[in-house]
Amino acid sequence: MPRLFDIKFPGECKTLPDGFWSAVDVWIQKPHVVNKRLCGVKDTEGEHAGTEAVQFLLDDPELSHEVFSFLSRDVSPAHTHTHTQDKPWTSSVRTIIPKVNCYGTNLHKELILKDFGRQRVTFLPFEEDSEGRACLKRGNVYQIQLLHQDCEEWALELHALTPDAWFSDGVAYPKLPWLSSDLLPKLVRWAAECKSSEFKSTLSLLPVEKYSVMYQQLKEKYKAMVKVWPEVTDPEKFVYEDVAIATYLLVLWAEERAEKNLTARQSFVDLGCGNGLLVHILTNEGHPGKGIDVRKRKIWDMYGPQTLLEFTSVCFPRRPPDGNVEPQSENSDVTTDDDLSSYACRYFVLPCCFFDFYGKYQRRQCKKSQYKEYIDFIAEVSQFSGFNTEEDCLRIPSTKRVGSRSSLSVSEVAGLLEQETLQRLKKECGGLQTLLKNNHQVFRVEGGRVHIRDWRDRKSSRADTKRKPVAPGALKTRPCWFYDHHPQRCPLQAEHCAFAHGPDDLRPSTKPRKKIKNDAL
């Protein structure tokens, strides 16, 4: 039972020993954050247990003696008096869910014994066949130990029951050196930080085993899209990412139908659908819906007529004081108020890019992380718009948030947003005309109407072949608004745009400075 590896904590670590157990819980409940070949685990609640918790795995007296000697080995006399002899452990069982669907028919499980008195946790892997018979993987029994070596020094140690007999399949059972080189350093970092996440697990609303099975089925079904991807974006990233999102929604909706005894499949509208693959998958899997985006993509023509995709802006109707809806547009294809203002309407946000209603989201609180601040902004908009956002509402680091509709209609929300816009304009020095003049790079006023400037068009950009060429020093002295704020970035390549695409493209002006007046000297 040798010590295989040890790693010391940074000096004066104030989070131990509580941080150690917090880090251990991450490895127990979310092993997929380290082992990328796992989809997750299904675990049971812990309970105080004695030797009876282990006996179901031990059918050999010699093996029984070996395992219990490993579990009860003394670390130091200082820990002995804190160890409860009748029920020394808190036990739980977790079922490992791999990502691959052809991994095997046996269920790979682990009995986990936490020994709080001796600051150690032991993992006893076993396999369970279809008839429920358990077989201990003796060679893969290992233990993680927290030690307080000196007055201020802490360390983690890795022990194994029989390291020479260790078996690795590369999925449920990683190689023994991997535990030393990958797992233990992460446990040390997590224990030192000891941050309890306020976000629920990505799969907290789903049965992880159903998610894993469906993900593999959809991945196999739509993997051919990678080979015919006509966009400039990375096909593997976008295809498998949308497969994962579709899997999440399909399993979530299936659970909802079973819970509410529903037969009709849920419908959806994907606002800002991008390449439309998520719409295509959900439609093919039987859910009626459509996707809307301000720009058509090349790949849309590959999906076929059954996948409904529109390139248009979403214009919500205004609601006058009498309550009658006055349409803003005569376009019948625009999403209507009734589509989105139903009391049963819910939303699912995927904030992959941080934008507000006017451009890139501007940070306001430097003490929060960018993601945390943006999620709080979404919650603020949600509450302002009349959606229920209870504390138990899903908040996921995988960039998802769901909610349920409460009171306000979409048109009323649009009215509130208009009020907010007017308040911002009133704060502008000089009013609307000054605002437009100060932002002539973005806006073009023509015939009493305001247009977004298109720098690809000579008329829009005021390009004139008779004009004198602009001095080179006058170029690239200001950042490009479109590159910094527009969802599709600047329509021009960097070498053709008169403004800087990022800080590396920005350079100081070479124009001569104005003469300084004598009285200013």
Protein backbone atom coordinates (compact mmCIF):
# COMPACT_ATOMS: atom_id res chain seq x y z
CA MET A 1 0.00 0.00 0.00
CA PRO A 2 2.66 2.53 -1.00
CA ARG A 3 2.33 6.26 -1.30
CA LEU A 4 2.43 6.93 -5.02
CA PHE A 5 2.52 10.69 -5.14
CA ASP A 6 2.27 13.74 -2.91
CA ILE A 7 1.86 17.44 -3.59
CA LYS A 8 2.17 20.36 -1.19
CA PHE A 9 -0.30 23.21 -0.82
CA PRO A 10 0.81 26.84 -1.17
CA GLY A 11 1.99 28.40 2.05
CA GLU A 12 -0.52 29.67 4.61
CA CYS A 13 -3.51 28.01 2.94
CA LYS A 14 -6.44 29.23 5.06
CA THR A 15 -9.14 27.14 3.36
CA LEU A 16 -8.12 23.72 4.75
CA PRO A 17 -9.43 21.26 5.69
CA ASP A 18 -12.87 22.43 4.46
CA GLY A 19 -11.43 23.28 1.05
CA PHE A 20 -10.19 19.71 0.67
CA TRP A 21 -13.69 18.27 1.03
CA SER A 22 -15.09 20.92 -1.29
CA ALA A 23 -12.55 19.89 -3.95
CA VAL A 24 -13.26 16.18 -3.37
CA ASP A 25 -16.97 16.83 -3.96
CA VAL A 26 -16.16 18.32 -7.37
CA TRP A 27 -14.29 15.16 -8.35
CA ILE A 28 -17.09 12.95 -7.00
CA GLN A 29 -20.05 14.83 -8.51
CA LYS A 30 -18.48 16.33 -11.66
CA PRO A 31 -15.58 14.12 -12.79
CA HIS A 32 -16.18 15.18 -16.40
CA VAL A 33 -14.60 18.60 -15.70
CA VAL A 34 -11.27 16.74 -15.46
CA ASN A 35 -11.88 13.50 -17.35
CA LYS A 36 -13.22 14.71 -20.71
CA ARG A 37 -14.19 11.17 -21.73
CA LEU A 38 -17.00 11.13 -19.19
CA CYS A 39 -20.44 12.63 -19.64
CA GLY A 40 -21.08 12.75 -15.89
CA VAL A 41 -22.15 10.54 -13.01
CA LYS A 42 -25.29 9.49 -11.24
CA ASP A 43 -24.69 9.36 -7.50
CA THR A 44 -26.59 8.55 -4.31
CA GLU A 45 -26.79 10.67 -1.18
CA GLY A 46 -24.13 9.98 1.45
CA GLU A 47 -24.95 8.30 4.75
CA HIS A 48 -22.99 7.23 7.79
CA ALA A 49 -21.88 3.63 7.43
CA GLY A 50 -19.66 0.98 8.94
CA THR A 51 -18.15 -2.23 7.66
CA GLU A 52 -21.50 -3.39 6.27
CA ALA A 53 -21.23 -0.79 3.49
CA VAL A 54 -18.21 -2.64 2.07
CA GLN A 55 -19.16 -6.27 2.70
CA PHE A 56 -21.29 -6.63 -0.44
CA LEU A 57 -18.09 -6.25 -2.49
CA LEU A 58 -15.99 -8.73 -0.49
CA ASP A 59 -16.61 -12.43 -1.00
CA ASP A 60 -13.07 -13.55 -0.13
CA PRO A 61 -11.78 -13.41 3.51
CA GLU A 62 -8.27 -12.58 2.33
CA LEU A 63 -9.52 -9.74 0.15
CA SER A 64 -11.71 -8.51 3.00
CA HIS A 65 -8.74 -8.29 5.36
CA GLU A 66 -6.65 -6.51 2.72
CA VAL A 67 -9.31 -3.89 1.98
CA PHE A 68 -10.15 -3.14 5.61
CA SER A 69 -6.45 -2.81 6.45
CA PHE A 70 -6.18 -0.26 3.64
CA LEU A 71 -9.23 1.65 4.91
CA SER A 72 -8.27 1.74 8.58
CA ARG A 73 -4.53 2.31 8.38
CA ASP A 74 -3.41 4.93 10.93
CA VAL A 75 -1.87 8.14 9.74
CA SER A 76 -0.82 9.64 13.04
CA PRO A 77 -1.89 9.27 16.68
CA ALA A 78 -3.31 12.80 16.58
CA HIS A 79 -6.13 11.64 14.30
CA THR A 80 -7.03 8.46 16.19
CA HIS A 81 -9.20 10.03 18.89
CA THR A 82 -11.37 11.79 16.31
CA HIS A 83 -12.19 8.60 14.45
CA THR A 84 -15.60 7.12 15.22
CA GLN A 85 -15.18 3.36 15.42
CA ASP A 86 -18.76 2.13 14.94
CA LYS A 87 -19.55 4.06 11.74
CA PRO A 88 -16.31 5.70 10.61
CA TRP A 89 -17.35 6.63 7.06
CA THR A 90 -19.87 8.50 5.02
CA SER A 91 -20.63 6.26 2.06
CA SER A 92 -22.14 6.90 -1.36
CA VAL A 93 -22.21 5.14 -4.72
CA ARG A 94 -21.76 6.81 -8.08
CA THR A 95 -22.47 5.33 -11.52
CA ILE A 96 -20.05 6.50 -14.20
CA ILE A 97 -21.66 7.69 -17.47
CA PRO A 98 -19.12 7.61 -20.35
CA LYS A 99 -19.46 9.65 -23.53
CA VAL A 100 -18.97 6.67 -25.81
CA ASN A 101 -22.07 4.53 -26.36
CA CYS A 102 -20.22 1.31 -27.24
CA TYR A 103 -18.25 1.19 -24.00
CA GLY A 104 -19.76 -1.99 -22.61
CA THR A 105 -22.88 -3.41 -21.04
CA ASN A 106 -21.63 -3.60 -17.44
CA LEU A 107 -22.38 -0.68 -15.14
CA HIS A 108 -19.18 0.89 -13.85
CA LYS A 109 -19.67 2.09 -10.29
CA GLU A 110 -17.62 3.28 -7.35
CA LEU A 111 -18.26 2.97 -3.64
CA ILE A 112 -16.93 6.18 -2.10
CA LEU A 113 -15.99 6.26 1.59
CA LYS A 114 -15.27 9.61 3.21
CA ASP A 115 -13.32 9.43 6.46
CA PHE A 116 -13.64 12.91 7.98
CA GLY A 117 -11.70 11.95 11.11
CA ARG A 118 -8.59 10.97 9.17
CA GLN A 119 -9.13 13.46 6.31
CA ARG A 120 -9.16 10.87 3.55
CA VAL A 121 -11.47 9.58 0.85
CA THR A 122 -11.31 6.09 -0.65
CA PHE A 123 -12.66 4.97 -4.02
CA LEU A 124 -13.59 1.32 -4.48
CA PRO A 125 -14.50 0.73 -8.15
CA PHE A 126 -16.73 -2.21 -9.02
CA GLU A 127 -18.71 -3.48 -11.98
CA GLU A 128 -22.30 -4.59 -11.80
CA ASP A 129 -23.76 -6.92 -14.41
CA SER A 130 -27.35 -6.92 -15.70
CA GLU A 131 -28.44 -9.20 -12.83
CA GLY A 132 -27.03 -6.88 -10.18
CA ARG A 133 -24.00 -8.96 -9.17
CA ALA A 134 -21.11 -6.76 -8.04
CA CYS A 135 -17.43 -7.44 -8.65
CA LEU A 136 -14.76 -5.31 -6.95
CA LYS A 137 -11.99 -3.96 -9.22
CA ARG A 138 -9.31 -4.74 -6.63
CA GLY A 139 -6.44 -3.33 -8.67
CA ASN A 140 -8.13 0.09 -9.03
CA VAL A 141 -8.84 0.86 -5.37
CA TYR A 142 -7.21 4.19 -4.49
CA GLN A 143 -7.24 6.78 -1.72
CA ILE A 144 -6.62 10.52 -1.46
CA GLN A 145 -5.26 11.71 1.89
CA LEU A 146 -4.96 15.23 3.32
CA LEU A 147 -2.01 15.63 5.69
CA HIS A 148 -1.06 18.44 8.03
CA GLN A 149 2.67 17.81 8.05
CA ASP A 150 4.05 20.75 10.03
CA CYS A 151 2.52 23.66 11.83
CA GLU A 152 1.58 25.41 8.60
CA GLU A 153 2.26 22.92 5.76
CA TRP A 154 -0.48 20.84 4.17
CA ALA A 155 -0.09 18.16 1.51
CA LEU A 156 -2.16 15.72 -0.55
CA GLU A 157 -1.09 12.10 -0.93
CA LEU A 158 -2.25 9.44 -3.38
CA HIS A 159 -2.30 5.80 -2.27
CA ALA A 160 -3.35 2.65 -4.14
CA LEU A 161 -4.24 -0.79 -2.79
CA THR A 162 -2.29 -2.73 -5.45
CA PRO A 163 -0.67 -0.30 -7.94
CA ASP A 164 1.03 -3.14 -9.86
CA ALA A 165 -2.40 -4.56 -10.74
CA TRP A 166 -3.89 -1.24 -11.88
CA PHE A 167 -6.07 -1.60 -14.99
CA SER A 168 -6.82 1.34 -17.29
CA ASP A 169 -9.44 1.38 -20.04
CA GLY A 170 -8.92 5.09 -20.80
CA VAL A 171 -12.50 6.00 -19.92
CA ALA A 172 -13.92 5.03 -16.53
CA TYR A 173 -10.50 3.97 -15.23
CA PRO A 174 -7.75 6.46 -16.20
CA LYS A 175 -4.09 5.57 -15.98
CA LEU A 176 -2.55 5.76 -12.53
CA PRO A 177 -0.01 8.48 -13.50
CA TRP A 178 -2.95 10.59 -14.73
CA LEU A 179 -4.32 10.73 -11.19
CA SER A 180 -0.97 12.09 -10.03
CA SER A 181 -0.24 14.54 -12.85
CA ASP A 182 -3.76 15.81 -13.64
CA LEU A 183 -6.20 15.13 -10.81
CA LEU A 184 -4.16 15.96 -7.70
CA PRO A 185 -2.91 19.39 -8.89
CA LYS A 186 -6.50 20.36 -9.70
CA LEU A 187 -7.68 19.18 -6.28
CA VAL A 188 -5.01 21.36 -4.68
CA ARG A 189 -6.08 24.39 -6.71
CA TRP A 190 -9.78 23.85 -6.00
CA ALA A 191 -9.11 23.29 -2.30
CA ALA A 192 -7.05 26.49 -2.08
CA GLU A 193 -9.78 28.51 -3.80
CA CYS A 194 -12.64 26.76 -1.99
CA LYS A 195 -15.30 28.57 -4.01
CA SER A 196 -18.78 27.13 -3.86
CA SER A 197 -20.40 27.78 -7.20
CA GLU A 198 -23.74 29.58 -7.19
CA PHE A 199 -24.58 27.97 -10.53
CA LYS A 200 -26.36 24.68 -10.69
CA SER A 201 -24.83 21.82 -12.62
CA THR A 202 -25.41 21.87 -16.37
CA LEU A 203 -27.25 18.56 -16.15
CA SER A 204 -29.02 19.23 -12.84
CA LEU A 205 -32.46 19.19 -14.49
CA LEU A 206 -31.84 16.05 -16.55
CA PRO A 207 -31.21 12.35 -16.04
CA VAL A 208 -27.58 12.22 -17.16
CA GLU A 209 -27.84 8.67 -18.52
CA LYS A 210 -30.66 9.68 -20.90
CA TYR A 211 -28.68 12.71 -22.02
CA SER A 212 -25.61 10.58 -22.71
CA VAL A 213 -27.52 8.02 -24.80
CA MET A 214 -29.40 10.63 -26.85
CA TYR A 215 -26.26 12.71 -27.42
CA GLN A 216 -24.47 9.72 -28.93
CA GLN A 217 -27.47 8.95 -31.15
CA LEU A 218 -27.73 12.52 -32.45
CA LYS A 219 -23.97 12.83 -32.85
CA GLU A 220 -23.94 9.73 -35.04
CA LYS A 221 -26.97 10.97 -36.98
CA TYR A 222 -25.66 14.46 -37.79
CA LYS A 223 -21.89 13.96 -37.90
CA ALA A 224 -22.00 14.01 -41.73
CA MET A 225 -22.64 17.77 -41.50
CA VAL A 226 -18.98 18.24 -40.56
CA LYS A 227 -17.83 17.07 -44.01
CA VAL A 228 -20.18 19.32 -46.01
CA TRP A 229 -20.00 22.45 -43.85
CA PRO A 230 -19.94 25.45 -46.25
CA GLU A 231 -19.33 28.17 -43.65
CA VAL A 232 -15.93 29.60 -42.70
CA THR A 233 -16.48 28.64 -39.04
CA ASP A 234 -15.06 25.49 -37.45
CA PRO A 235 -17.48 22.66 -38.40
CA GLU A 236 -16.63 20.29 -35.55
CA LYS A 237 -17.13 22.97 -32.92
CA PHE A 238 -20.47 24.21 -34.24
CA VAL A 239 -21.95 20.85 -35.24
CA TYR A 240 -21.23 19.01 -32.01
CA GLU A 241 -22.04 22.07 -29.90
CA ASP A 242 -25.48 22.35 -31.49
CA VAL A 243 -25.97 18.59 -31.13
CA ALA A 244 -25.30 18.97 -27.39
CA ILE A 245 -27.73 21.89 -27.06
CA ALA A 246 -30.40 20.05 -29.03
CA THR A 247 -29.90 16.98 -26.85
CA TYR A 248 -30.36 19.06 -23.72
CA LEU A 249 -33.61 20.59 -25.00
CA LEU A 250 -35.01 17.30 -26.33
CA VAL A 251 -34.41 15.45 -23.05
CA LEU A 252 -35.73 18.40 -21.02
CA TRP A 253 -38.88 18.56 -23.14
CA ALA A 254 -39.38 14.79 -23.01
CA GLU A 255 -39.20 14.88 -19.21
CA GLU A 256 -41.71 17.72 -19.16
CA ARG A 257 -44.16 15.83 -21.39
CA ALA A 258 -43.89 12.75 -19.18
CA GLU A 259 -44.38 14.79 -16.01
CA LYS A 260 -47.42 16.69 -17.35
CA ASN A 261 -48.82 13.77 -19.37
CA LEU A 262 -48.59 15.72 -22.64
CA THR A 263 -48.63 14.23 -26.13
CA ALA A 264 -47.99 17.28 -28.35
CA ARG A 265 -44.34 18.21 -28.79
CA GLN A 266 -43.21 21.65 -27.67
CA SER A 267 -42.81 24.36 -30.32
CA PHE A 268 -40.05 26.95 -30.41
CA VAL A 269 -38.67 30.10 -32.05
CA ASP A 270 -34.89 30.51 -32.23
CA LEU A 271 -34.08 34.25 -32.29
CA GLY A 272 -30.60 34.82 -33.68
CA CYS A 273 -30.40 31.29 -35.06
CA GLY A 274 -27.09 31.84 -36.91
CA ASN A 275 -26.26 28.80 -39.02
CA GLY A 276 -29.68 27.30 -38.21
CA LEU A 277 -28.39 23.84 -37.34
CA LEU A 278 -30.12 23.81 -33.96
CA VAL A 279 -33.42 24.63 -35.70
CA HIS A 280 -32.76 21.89 -38.25
CA ILE A 281 -32.10 19.24 -35.57
CA LEU A 282 -35.09 20.16 -33.39
CA THR A 283 -37.36 20.20 -36.46
CA ASN A 284 -36.10 16.81 -37.64
CA GLU A 285 -36.72 15.39 -34.18
CA GLY A 286 -40.39 16.35 -34.35
CA HIS A 287 -40.63 19.80 -32.71
CA PRO A 288 -42.33 22.46 -34.86
CA GLY A 289 -40.52 25.78 -34.95
CA LYS A 290 -38.48 28.25 -36.93
CA GLY A 291 -35.29 30.27 -36.75
CA ILE A 292 -34.83 34.00 -37.34
CA ASP A 293 -31.64 35.92 -38.01
CA VAL A 294 -30.71 39.25 -39.57
CA ARG A 295 -28.45 37.56 -42.13
CA LYS A 296 -28.88 34.45 -44.24
CA ARG A 297 -26.13 31.81 -44.13
CA LYS A 298 -24.89 29.62 -46.99
CA ILE A 299 -25.80 26.44 -45.16
CA TRP A 300 -29.50 27.32 -44.95
CA ASP A 301 -30.09 26.07 -48.51
CA MET A 302 -28.80 22.61 -47.53
CA TYR A 303 -31.46 21.91 -44.92
CA GLY A 304 -34.49 21.64 -47.17
CA PRO A 305 -37.96 23.24 -47.01
CA GLN A 306 -38.96 21.47 -43.77
CA THR A 307 -36.50 23.63 -41.81
CA LEU A 308 -38.07 27.08 -41.52
CA LEU A 309 -35.46 29.84 -41.47
CA GLU A 310 -36.03 33.58 -42.04
CA PHE A 311 -33.59 36.46 -42.36
CA THR A 312 -35.35 39.50 -40.95
CA SER A 313 -35.33 41.75 -37.94
CA VAL A 314 -37.90 41.09 -35.24
CA CYS A 315 -40.24 44.06 -34.93
CA PHE A 316 -42.62 43.97 -32.00
CA PRO A 317 -45.91 45.89 -32.32
CA ARG A 318 -46.61 48.87 -30.13
CA ARG A 319 -49.58 48.69 -27.77
CA PRO A 320 -51.54 51.98 -27.55
CA PRO A 321 -53.25 53.00 -24.28
CA ASP A 322 -56.55 51.43 -25.40
CA GLY A 323 -54.88 47.99 -25.55
CA ASN A 324 -55.34 47.43 -29.29
CA VAL A 325 -52.25 46.25 -31.10
CA GLU A 326 -50.97 48.63 -33.74
CA PRO A 327 -48.55 46.80 -36.06
CA GLN A 328 -45.16 48.39 -36.67
CA SER A 329 -44.64 46.62 -39.97
CA GLU A 330 -46.76 45.37 -42.82
CA ASN A 331 -44.49 42.37 -43.23
CA SER A 332 -46.65 39.35 -42.38
CA ASP A 333 -43.59 37.21 -41.75
CA VAL A 334 -42.48 39.27 -38.76
CA THR A 335 -42.98 37.46 -35.45
CA THR A 336 -46.23 38.66 -33.93
CA ASP A 337 -47.08 39.70 -30.41
CA ASP A 338 -49.15 36.56 -29.88
CA ASP A 339 -46.19 34.33 -30.77
CA LEU A 340 -44.08 35.50 -27.85
CA SER A 341 -46.41 37.09 -25.27
CA SER A 342 -48.36 34.00 -24.24
CA TYR A 343 -48.48 33.39 -20.48
CA ALA A 344 -46.92 29.96 -21.14
CA CYS A 345 -43.99 31.32 -23.16
CA ARG A 346 -40.58 30.46 -21.72
CA TYR A 347 -37.11 31.37 -22.84
CA PHE A 348 -33.70 29.72 -23.00
CA VAL A 349 -30.69 32.03 -23.28
CA LEU A 350 -27.35 31.02 -24.75
CA PRO A 351 -25.13 34.07 -24.16
CA CYS A 352 -22.14 33.03 -26.24
CA CYS A 353 -21.44 36.71 -27.03
CA PHE A 354 -21.86 39.50 -24.49
CA PHE A 355 -24.21 42.06 -26.08
CA ASP A 356 -26.87 44.38 -24.73
CA PHE A 357 -29.56 46.18 -26.76
CA TYR A 358 -27.12 48.70 -28.25
CA GLY A 359 -23.88 46.81 -28.87
CA LYS A 360 -21.23 45.07 -26.84
CA TYR A 361 -22.07 44.85 -23.16
CA GLN A 362 -20.11 47.44 -21.19
CA ARG A 363 -18.87 46.19 -17.85
CA ARG A 364 -19.95 48.06 -14.72
CA GLN A 365 -18.68 46.00 -11.78
CA CYS A 366 -15.02 45.03 -11.88
CA LYS A 367 -15.32 42.90 -8.72
CA LYS A 368 -17.45 40.34 -10.55
CA SER A 369 -16.31 38.03 -13.32
CA GLN A 370 -17.40 39.00 -16.82
CA TYR A 371 -19.70 36.00 -17.08
CA LYS A 372 -21.25 36.57 -13.63
CA GLU A 373 -21.88 40.22 -14.38
CA TYR A 374 -23.47 39.41 -17.74
CA ILE A 375 -25.70 36.72 -16.22
CA ASP A 376 -26.86 39.25 -13.62
CA PHE A 377 -27.62 41.65 -16.48
CA ILE A 378 -29.76 38.98 -18.16
CA ALA A 379 -31.57 38.37 -14.88
CA GLU A 380 -32.19 42.10 -14.52
CA VAL A 381 -33.64 42.32 -18.05
CA SER A 382 -35.74 39.22 -17.36
CA GLN A 383 -37.27 40.65 -14.19
CA PHE A 384 -37.77 44.02 -15.86
CA SER A 385 -39.60 42.25 -18.70
CA GLY A 386 -42.02 40.41 -16.44
CA PHE A 387 -40.51 36.92 -16.41
CA ASN A 388 -40.31 34.86 -13.25
CA THR A 389 -36.70 34.33 -12.24
CA GLU A 390 -36.84 32.45 -8.96
CA GLU A 391 -33.62 31.57 -7.14
CA ASP A 392 -34.01 27.93 -8.14
CA CYS A 393 -34.17 28.89 -11.82
CA LEU A 394 -31.41 27.24 -13.83
CA ARG A 395 -28.17 29.22 -14.12
CA ILE A 396 -25.53 27.25 -15.97
CA PRO A 397 -21.85 27.92 -16.75
CA SER A 398 -22.59 26.16 -20.08
CA THR A 399 -24.35 29.46 -20.92
CA LYS A 400 -27.99 28.65 -20.41
CA ARG A 401 -30.86 30.20 -18.49
CA VAL A 402 -34.54 29.34 -18.52
CA GLY A 403 -37.57 31.14 -17.16
CA SER A 404 -41.35 31.25 -17.29
CA ARG A 405 -43.62 34.03 -18.54
CA SER A 406 -45.43 36.15 -15.98
CA SER A 407 -47.36 39.33 -16.79
CA LEU A 408 -45.99 41.76 -19.37
CA SER A 409 -46.49 41.32 -23.10
CA VAL A 410 -43.66 41.74 -25.57
CA SER A 411 -45.13 44.99 -26.83
CA GLU A 412 -45.14 46.35 -23.29
CA VAL A 413 -41.51 45.32 -22.93
CA ALA A 414 -40.73 47.12 -26.20
CA GLY A 415 -42.41 50.23 -24.79
CA LEU A 416 -40.27 50.05 -21.66
CA LEU A 417 -37.15 49.72 -23.78
CA GLU A 418 -38.21 52.74 -25.83
CA GLN A 419 -38.51 54.76 -22.62
CA GLU A 420 -35.02 53.64 -21.63
CA THR A 421 -33.69 54.73 -25.05
CA LEU A 422 -35.30 58.16 -24.74
CA GLN A 423 -33.77 58.63 -21.32
CA ARG A 424 -30.33 57.88 -22.76
CA LEU A 425 -30.87 60.36 -25.61
CA LYS A 426 -31.91 63.10 -23.17
CA LYS A 427 -28.58 62.71 -21.39
CA GLU A 428 -26.67 63.35 -24.64
CA CYS A 429 -25.21 66.87 -24.70
CA GLY A 430 -26.86 68.73 -27.60
CA GLY A 431 -29.65 66.21 -28.22
CA LEU A 432 -30.18 63.79 -31.07
CA GLN A 433 -28.58 65.87 -33.84
CA THR A 434 -25.36 66.23 -31.87
CA LEU A 435 -25.39 62.51 -31.14
CA LEU A 436 -25.62 61.72 -34.86
CA LYS A 437 -22.91 64.20 -35.81
CA ASN A 438 -20.56 62.86 -33.17
CA ASN A 439 -21.07 59.35 -34.50
CA HIS A 440 -20.85 59.99 -38.24
CA GLN A 441 -18.73 56.85 -38.59
CA VAL A 442 -21.86 54.86 -37.73
CA PHE A 443 -24.79 57.00 -38.94
CA ARG A 444 -25.63 58.67 -42.25
CA VAL A 445 -28.42 61.26 -42.43
CA GLU A 446 -30.03 61.63 -45.84
CA GLY A 447 -33.36 63.16 -46.76
CA GLY A 448 -34.37 63.54 -43.15
CA ARG A 449 -33.84 59.82 -42.47
CA VAL A 450 -31.08 58.19 -40.49
CA HIS A 451 -29.26 55.18 -41.96
CA ILE A 452 -26.59 52.86 -40.64
CA ARG A 453 -23.51 53.67 -42.72
CA ASP A 454 -22.34 50.94 -45.09
CA TRP A 455 -18.64 51.48 -45.78
CA ARG A 456 -18.75 49.08 -48.72
CA ASP A 457 -20.90 51.59 -50.62
CA ARG A 458 -19.20 54.70 -52.10
CA LYS A 459 -22.24 56.88 -51.51
CA SER A 460 -22.56 55.73 -47.92
CA SER A 461 -18.88 56.19 -47.14
CA ARG A 462 -18.74 59.49 -49.07
CA ALA A 463 -15.88 58.20 -51.16
CA ASP A 464 -15.10 60.51 -54.05
CA THR A 465 -12.49 59.83 -56.71
CA LYS A 466 -12.06 63.61 -57.30
CA ARG A 467 -11.18 64.27 -53.69
CA LYS A 468 -7.56 64.53 -52.67
CA PRO A 469 -6.18 61.37 -51.12
CA VAL A 470 -6.30 61.29 -47.37
CA ALA A 471 -2.95 61.63 -45.63
CA PRO A 472 -1.72 58.25 -44.41
CA GLY A 473 -1.38 59.55 -40.88
CA ALA A 474 -5.12 60.25 -40.72
CA LEU A 475 -5.95 56.59 -41.17
CA LYS A 476 -6.32 54.01 -38.40
CA THR A 477 -6.28 56.66 -35.68
CA ARG A 478 -9.72 55.70 -34.38
CA PRO A 479 -11.19 52.30 -33.58
CA CYS A 480 -13.81 50.86 -35.93
CA TRP A 481 -17.22 50.98 -34.26
CA PHE A 482 -18.55 48.13 -36.36
CA TYR A 483 -15.59 45.88 -35.56
CA ASP A 484 -15.97 46.54 -31.82
CA HIS A 485 -19.74 46.51 -31.45
CA HIS A 486 -21.65 45.02 -34.39
CA PRO A 487 -22.59 41.31 -34.09
CA GLN A 488 -21.21 40.63 -37.60
CA ARG A 489 -18.17 42.86 -37.07
CA CYS A 490 -17.03 45.23 -39.83
CA PRO A 491 -18.09 44.38 -43.42
CA LEU A 492 -14.65 45.41 -44.70
CA GLN A 493 -11.35 43.63 -44.37
CA ALA A 494 -8.83 45.35 -42.09
CA GLU A 495 -6.66 46.55 -44.99
CA HIS A 496 -9.66 48.24 -46.67
CA CYS A 497 -11.17 49.87 -43.60
CA ALA A 498 -10.15 53.41 -42.64
CA PHE A 499 -10.54 52.58 -38.95
CA ALA A 500 -8.59 50.28 -36.67
CA HIS A 501 -9.67 46.66 -36.25
CA GLY A 502 -8.41 46.10 -32.74
CA PRO A 503 -5.62 47.73 -30.71
CA ASP A 504 -2.86 46.17 -32.83
CA ASP A 505 -4.25 47.94 -35.91
CA LEU A 506 -4.48 51.34 -34.18
CA ARG A 507 -1.69 53.87 -34.72
CA PRO A 508 -1.18 57.50 -33.67
CA SER A 509 -1.89 60.30 -36.09
CA THR A 510 0.98 61.88 -37.99
CA LYS A 511 -0.86 65.17 -38.55
CA PRO A 512 1.06 68.19 -37.21
CA ARG A 513 -0.17 69.39 -33.87
CA LYS A 514 -1.80 72.81 -33.63
CA LYS A 515 0.43 75.65 -32.55
CA ILE A 516 0.27 76.31 -28.86
CA LYS A 517 -0.77 79.83 -27.96
CA ASN A 518 1.73 81.95 -26.15
CA ASP A 519 -0.55 82.59 -23.19
CA ALA A 520 -0.75 78.86 -22.56
CA LEU A 521 3.02 78.63 -22.06
